[in-house]
Protein backbone atom coordinates (compact mmCIF):
# COMPACT_ATOMS: atom_id res chain seq x y z
CA MET A 1 -0.27 -0.34 0.12
CA THR A 2 1.29 3.04 -0.96
CA LEU A 3 0.36 6.55 1.16
CA SER A 4 1.16 9.73 -0.15
CA ARG A 5 3.28 12.19 1.47
CA GLN A 6 0.58 14.16 3.18
CA SER A 7 -0.81 11.12 4.75
CA LEU A 8 2.17 9.86 6.39
CA GLU A 9 2.80 13.57 7.69
CA ILE A 10 -0.55 13.26 9.26
CA LEU A 11 -0.11 10.19 10.76
CA LEU A 12 3.18 10.73 12.06
CA ASP A 13 1.75 13.79 13.50
CA LEU A 14 -1.35 12.05 14.85
CA ILE A 15 1.24 9.22 16.25
CA GLU A 16 3.42 11.83 18.10
CA ILE A 17 0.12 13.92 19.94
CA LYS A 18 -0.90 10.20 21.07
CA VAL A 19 2.65 9.58 22.27
CA SER A 20 3.00 12.95 24.17
CA ALA A 21 -0.45 12.34 25.61
CA LEU A 22 -0.04 8.92 27.02
CA GLN A 23 0.68 8.59 30.53
CA ILE A 24 2.05 5.14 31.27
CA GLN A 25 0.30 3.64 34.46
CA ASP A 26 0.72 -0.14 33.61
CA ARG A 27 1.97 -2.53 31.30
CA ASP A 28 -0.65 -2.34 28.77
CA ASP A 29 0.37 1.56 28.29
CA ALA A 30 3.61 0.31 27.78
CA ARG A 31 2.99 -2.16 25.27
CA GLU A 32 0.84 0.69 23.67
CA LEU A 33 3.64 3.15 23.74
CA ASN A 34 6.04 0.40 22.16
CA LYS A 35 3.54 -0.01 19.41
CA LEU A 36 3.09 3.70 18.54
CA ARG A 37 7.07 3.93 18.51
CA LYS A 38 7.15 0.66 16.44
CA CYS A 39 4.37 2.46 14.08
CA ARG A 40 5.96 5.84 14.03
CA GLN A 41 9.55 4.03 12.89
CA GLU A 42 7.68 1.99 10.11
CA LEU A 43 6.05 5.25 8.79
CA LEU A 44 9.42 7.08 8.72
CA VAL A 45 10.86 3.96 6.58
CA GLU A 46 8.01 4.34 4.17
CA GLN A 47 8.45 8.09 3.90
CA VAL A 48 12.29 7.94 3.31
CA GLU A 49 11.38 5.11 0.62
CA GLY A 50 8.78 7.23 -1.25
CA ASN A 51 11.12 9.79 -1.10
CA ALA A 52 14.03 7.95 -2.80
CA LYS A 53 11.55 6.21 -5.29
CA ARG A 54 10.26 9.81 -6.30
CA THR A 55 13.99 11.12 -6.65
CA GLU A 56 14.75 7.86 -8.74
CA ARG A 57 11.95 8.36 -11.13
CA LEU A 58 12.67 12.09 -11.54
CA LEU A 59 16.45 11.32 -12.58
CA MET A 60 15.37 8.53 -14.68
CA SER A 61 12.54 10.06 -16.51
CA ALA A 62 14.00 12.85 -18.52
CA PRO A 63 17.37 12.71 -20.34
CA PHE A 64 19.80 15.26 -19.09
CA ARG A 65 19.73 18.37 -21.20
CA GLU A 66 22.10 21.28 -21.37
CA ARG A 67 20.49 24.65 -20.74
CA SER A 68 22.04 27.40 -22.75
CA PHE A 69 22.48 30.47 -21.04
CA ARG A 70 22.06 33.86 -22.51
CA ARG A 71 24.33 36.47 -21.77
CA THR A 72 22.60 39.91 -21.06
CA THR A 73 24.48 43.16 -21.24
CA TYR A 74 23.34 46.43 -19.93
CA SER A 75 23.97 49.83 -21.49
CA ARG A 76 23.76 53.00 -19.89
């Protein structure tokens, strides 16, 4: 499943909010915190891989073209 960059960022924000609001009082809370951290890590990996794929696609899609630069001169 592929998620858009915006969806990944929203999910990461929601996880951060939940982690910061979580108060660990027992084992279940500690387990939930660990699950949230693992989920966050997986989303970060997905985000990095998605960025790498986008970059590779951009590099492979168009051949390198040299741009000609026009020299401008200003006279007074």
